[in-house]
């Protein structure tokens, strides 16, 4: 759980000499609807 109360997972790998991180966050609202956000960035 992150500071906003969402389930979050970060995965970092090194490829071709650079670090790449993928982040997946899952948010479930009070009425049961869910949102999934996937972000990828180079460090």
PDB file of N, CA and C in Angstrom:
ATOM      1  N   UNK A   1       0.843  -1.180   0.000  1.00  0.00           N
ATOM      2  CA  UNK A   1       0.000   0.000   0.000  1.00  0.00           C
ATOM      3  C   UNK A   1       0.887   1.241   0.000  1.00  0.00           C
ATOM      4  N   UNK A   2       0.536   2.203  -0.839  1.00  0.00           N
ATOM      5  CA  UNK A   2       1.302   3.441  -0.852  1.00  0.00           C
ATOM      6  C   UNK A   2       0.660   4.470   0.083  1.00  0.00           C
ATOM      7  N   UNK A   3       1.184   5.679   0.112  1.00  0.00           N
ATOM      8  CA  UNK A   3       0.699   6.700   1.037  1.00  0.00           C
ATOM      9  C   UNK A   3      -0.724   7.156   0.723  1.00  0.00           C
ATOM     10  N   UNK A   4      -1.187   6.920  -0.491  1.00  0.00           N
ATOM     11  CA  UNK A   4      -2.560   7.301  -0.870  1.00  0.00           C
ATOM     12  C   UNK A   4      -3.559   6.181  -0.634  1.00  0.00           C
ATOM     13  N   UNK A   5      -3.095   5.045  -0.125  1.00  0.00           N
ATOM     14  CA  UNK A   5      -3.988   3.922   0.153  1.00  0.00           C
ATOM     15  C   UNK A   5      -4.221   3.003  -1.028  1.00  0.00           C
ATOM     16  N   UNK A   6      -3.480   3.164  -2.107  1.00  0.00           N
ATOM     17  CA  UNK A   6      -3.605   2.315  -3.286  1.00  0.00           C
ATOM     18  C   UNK A   6      -2.580   1.187  -3.228  1.00  0.00           C
ATOM     19  N   UNK A   7      -2.921   0.073  -3.832  1.00  0.00           N
ATOM     20  CA  UNK A   7      -1.976  -1.034  -3.958  1.00  0.00           C
ATOM     21  C   UNK A   7      -1.014  -0.685  -5.088  1.00  0.00           C
ATOM     22  N   UNK A   8       0.292  -0.712  -4.824  1.00  0.00           N
ATOM     23  CA  UNK A   8       1.280  -0.284  -5.820  1.00  0.00           C
ATOM     24  C   UNK A   8       2.465  -1.234  -5.825  1.00  0.00           C
ATOM     25  N   UNK A   9       2.981  -1.486  -7.029  1.00  0.00           N
ATOM     26  CA  UNK A   9       4.154  -2.331  -7.201  1.00  0.00           C
ATOM     27  C   UNK A   9       5.115  -1.641  -8.158  1.00  0.00           C
ATOM     28  N   UNK A  10       6.385  -1.533  -7.762  1.00  0.00           N
ATOM     29  CA  UNK A  10       7.442  -0.977  -8.612  1.00  0.00           C
ATOM     30  C   UNK A  10       8.424  -2.090  -8.948  1.00  0.00           C
ATOM     31  N   UNK A  11       8.794  -2.178 -10.225  1.00  0.00           N
ATOM     32  CA  UNK A  11       9.783  -3.148 -10.664  1.00  0.00           C
ATOM     33  C   UNK A  11      10.852  -2.392 -11.449  1.00  0.00           C
ATOM     34  N   UNK A  12      12.111  -2.512 -11.044  1.00  0.00           N
ATOM     35  CA  UNK A  12      13.215  -1.860 -11.741  1.00  0.00           C
ATOM     36  C   UNK A  12      14.149  -2.911 -12.318  1.00  0.00           C
ATOM     37  N   UNK A  13      14.563  -2.701 -13.561  1.00  0.00           N
ATOM     38  CA  UNK A  13      15.511  -3.599 -14.214  1.00  0.00           C
ATOM     39  C   UNK A  13      16.577  -2.769 -14.914  1.00  0.00           C
ATOM     40  N   UNK A  14      17.715  -3.383 -15.127  1.00  0.00           N
ATOM     41  CA  UNK A  14      18.783  -2.736 -15.881  1.00  0.00           C
ATOM     42  C   UNK A  14      18.899  -3.448 -17.214  1.00  0.00           C
ATOM     43  N   UNK A  15      18.793  -2.675 -18.279  1.00  0.00           N
ATOM     44  CA  UNK A  15      18.902  -3.230 -19.614  1.00  0.00           C
ATOM     45  C   UNK A  15      19.654  -2.250 -20.500  1.00  0.00           C
ATOM     46  N   UNK A  16      20.548  -2.754 -21.288  1.00  0.00           N
ATOM     47  CA  UNK A  16      21.370  -1.931 -22.195  1.00  0.00           C
ATOM     48  C   UNK A  16      22.048  -0.793 -21.445  1.00  0.00           C
ATOM     49  N   UNK A  17      22.451  -1.062 -20.190  1.00  0.00           N
ATOM     50  CA  UNK A  17      23.173  -0.071 -19.398  1.00  0.00           C
ATOM     51  C   UNK A  17      22.311   0.995 -18.755  1.00  0.00           C
ATOM     52  N   UNK A  18      20.980   0.903 -18.877  1.00  0.00           N
ATOM     53  CA  UNK A  18      20.078   1.885 -18.290  1.00  0.00           C
ATOM     54  C   UNK A  18      19.087   1.194 -17.357  1.00  0.00           C
ATOM     55  N   UNK A  19      18.650   1.919 -16.351  1.00  0.00           N
ATOM     56  CA  UNK A  19      17.627   1.406 -15.443  1.00  0.00           C
ATOM     57  C   UNK A  19      16.253   1.856 -15.915  1.00  0.00           C
ATOM     58  N   UNK A  20      15.330   0.916 -15.991  1.00  0.00           N
ATOM     59  CA  UNK A  20      13.949   1.186 -16.372  1.00  0.00           C
ATOM     60  C   UNK A  20      13.055   0.700 -15.241  1.00  0.00           C
ATOM     61  N   UNK A  21      12.082   1.538 -14.856  1.00  0.00           N
ATOM     62  CA  UNK A  21      11.160   1.189 -13.784  1.00  0.00           C
ATOM     63  C   UNK A  21       9.739   1.170 -14.327  1.00  0.00           C
ATOM     64  N   UNK A  22       8.996   0.135 -13.983  1.00  0.00           N
ATOM     65  CA  UNK A  22       7.571   0.058 -14.300  1.00  0.00           C
ATOM     66  C   UNK A  22       6.811   0.083 -12.987  1.00  0.00           C
ATOM     67  N   UNK A  23       5.772   0.901 -12.928  1.00  0.00           N
ATOM     68  CA  UNK A  23       4.955   1.027 -11.740  1.00  0.00           C
ATOM     69  C   UNK A  23       3.513   0.697 -12.090  1.00  0.00           C
ATOM     70  N   UNK A  24       2.884  -0.147 -11.283  1.00  0.00           N
ATOM     71  CA  UNK A  24       1.475  -0.484 -11.453  1.00  0.00           C
ATOM     72  C   UNK A  24       0.764  -0.100 -10.162  1.00  0.00           C
ATOM     73  N   UNK A  25      -0.307   0.699 -10.282  1.00  0.00           N
ATOM     74  CA  UNK A  25      -1.105   1.090  -9.123  1.00  0.00           C
ATOM     75  C   UNK A  25      -2.552   0.685  -9.376  1.00  0.00           C
ATOM     76  N   UNK A  26      -3.177   0.091  -8.368  1.00  0.00           N
ATOM     77  CA  UNK A  26      -4.575  -0.324  -8.456  1.00  0.00           C
ATOM     78  C   UNK A  26      -5.356   0.429  -7.394  1.00  0.00           C
ATOM     79  N   UNK A  27      -6.410   1.124  -7.825  1.00  0.00           N
ATOM     80  CA  UNK A  27      -7.248   1.879  -6.901  1.00  0.00           C
ATOM     81  C   UNK A  27      -8.670   1.343  -6.995  1.00  0.00           C
ATOM     82  N   UNK A  28      -9.260   1.037  -5.855  1.00  0.00           N
ATOM     83  CA  UNK A  28     -10.638   0.561  -5.804  1.00  0.00           C
ATOM     84  C   UNK A  28     -11.458   1.616  -5.068  1.00  0.00           C
ATOM     85  N   UNK A  29     -12.485   2.140  -5.738  1.00  0.00           N
ATOM     86  CA  UNK A  29     -13.309   3.194  -5.148  1.00  0.00           C
ATOM     87  C   UNK A  29     -14.312   2.596  -4.159  1.00  0.00           C
ATOM     88  N   UNK A  30     -14.986   3.457  -3.455  1.00  0.00           N
ATOM     89  CA  UNK A  30     -15.950   3.024  -2.442  1.00  0.00           C
ATOM     90  C   UNK A  30     -17.112   2.233  -3.039  1.00  0.00           C
ATOM     91  N   UNK A  31     -17.462   2.511  -4.300  1.00  0.00           N
ATOM     92  CA  UNK A  31     -18.582   1.787  -4.920  1.00  0.00           C
ATOM     93  C   UNK A  31     -18.134   0.503  -5.626  1.00  0.00           C
ATOM     94  N   UNK A  32     -16.868   0.124  -5.476  1.00  0.00           N
ATOM     95  CA  UNK A  32     -16.368  -1.136  -6.018  1.00  0.00           C
ATOM     96  C   UNK A  32     -15.722  -1.052  -7.384  1.00  0.00           C
ATOM     97  N   UNK A  33     -15.746   0.125  -8.022  1.00  0.00           N
ATOM     98  CA  UNK A  33     -15.094   0.274  -9.319  1.00  0.00           C
ATOM     99  C   UNK A  33     -13.588   0.347  -9.123  1.00  0.00           C
ATOM    100  N   UNK A  34     -12.833  -0.178 -10.089  1.00  0.00           N
ATOM    101  CA  UNK A  34     -11.379  -0.176  -9.953  1.00  0.00           C
ATOM    102  C   UNK A  34     -10.717   0.510 -11.143  1.00  0.00           C
ATOM    103  N   UNK A  35      -9.552   1.071 -10.887  1.00  0.00           N
ATOM    104  CA  UNK A  35      -8.720   1.703 -11.906  1.00  0.00           C
ATOM    105  C   UNK A  35      -7.327   1.123 -11.801  1.00  0.00           C
ATOM    106  N   UNK A  36      -6.697   0.886 -12.950  1.00  0.00           N
ATOM    107  CA  UNK A  36      -5.325   0.384 -12.992  1.00  0.00           C
ATOM    108  C   UNK A  36      -4.500   1.373 -13.805  1.00  0.00           C
ATOM    109  N   UNK A  37      -3.401   1.837 -13.212  1.00  0.00           N
ATOM    110  CA  UNK A  37      -2.513   2.793 -13.877  1.00  0.00           C
ATOM    111  C   UNK A  37      -1.131   2.140 -14.007  1.00  0.00           C
ATOM    112  N   UNK A  38      -0.598   2.106 -15.228  1.00  0.00           N
ATOM    113  CA  UNK A  38       0.729   1.556 -15.486  1.00  0.00           C
ATOM    114  C   UNK A  38       1.603   2.679 -16.023  1.00  0.00           C
ATOM    115  N   UNK A  39       2.754   2.893 -15.390  1.00  0.00           N
ATOM    116  CA  UNK A  39       3.680   3.932 -15.806  1.00  0.00           C
ATOM    117  C   UNK A  39       5.064   3.315 -15.953  1.00  0.00           C
ATOM    118  N   UNK A  40       5.766   3.668 -17.019  1.00  0.00           N
ATOM    119  CA  UNK A  40       7.138   3.197 -17.235  1.00  0.00           C
ATOM    120  C   UNK A  40       8.027   4.407 -17.459  1.00  0.00           C
ATOM    121  N   UNK A  41       9.184   4.424 -16.797  1.00  0.00           N
ATOM    122  CA  UNK A  41      10.085   5.548 -16.977  1.00  0.00           C
ATOM    123  C   UNK A  41      11.534   5.093 -16.859  1.00  0.00           C
ATOM    124  N   UNK A  42      12.429   5.885 -17.458  1.00  0.00           N
ATOM    125  CA  UNK A  42      13.860   5.612 -17.434  1.00  0.00           C
ATOM    126  C   UNK A  42      14.478   6.466 -16.349  1.00  0.00           C
ATOM    127  N   UNK A  43      15.314   5.864 -15.529  1.00  0.00           N
ATOM    128  CA  UNK A  43      15.958   6.598 -14.432  1.00  0.00           C
ATOM    129  C   UNK A  43      17.278   7.165 -14.872  1.00  0.00           C
TER     130      UNK A  43
END
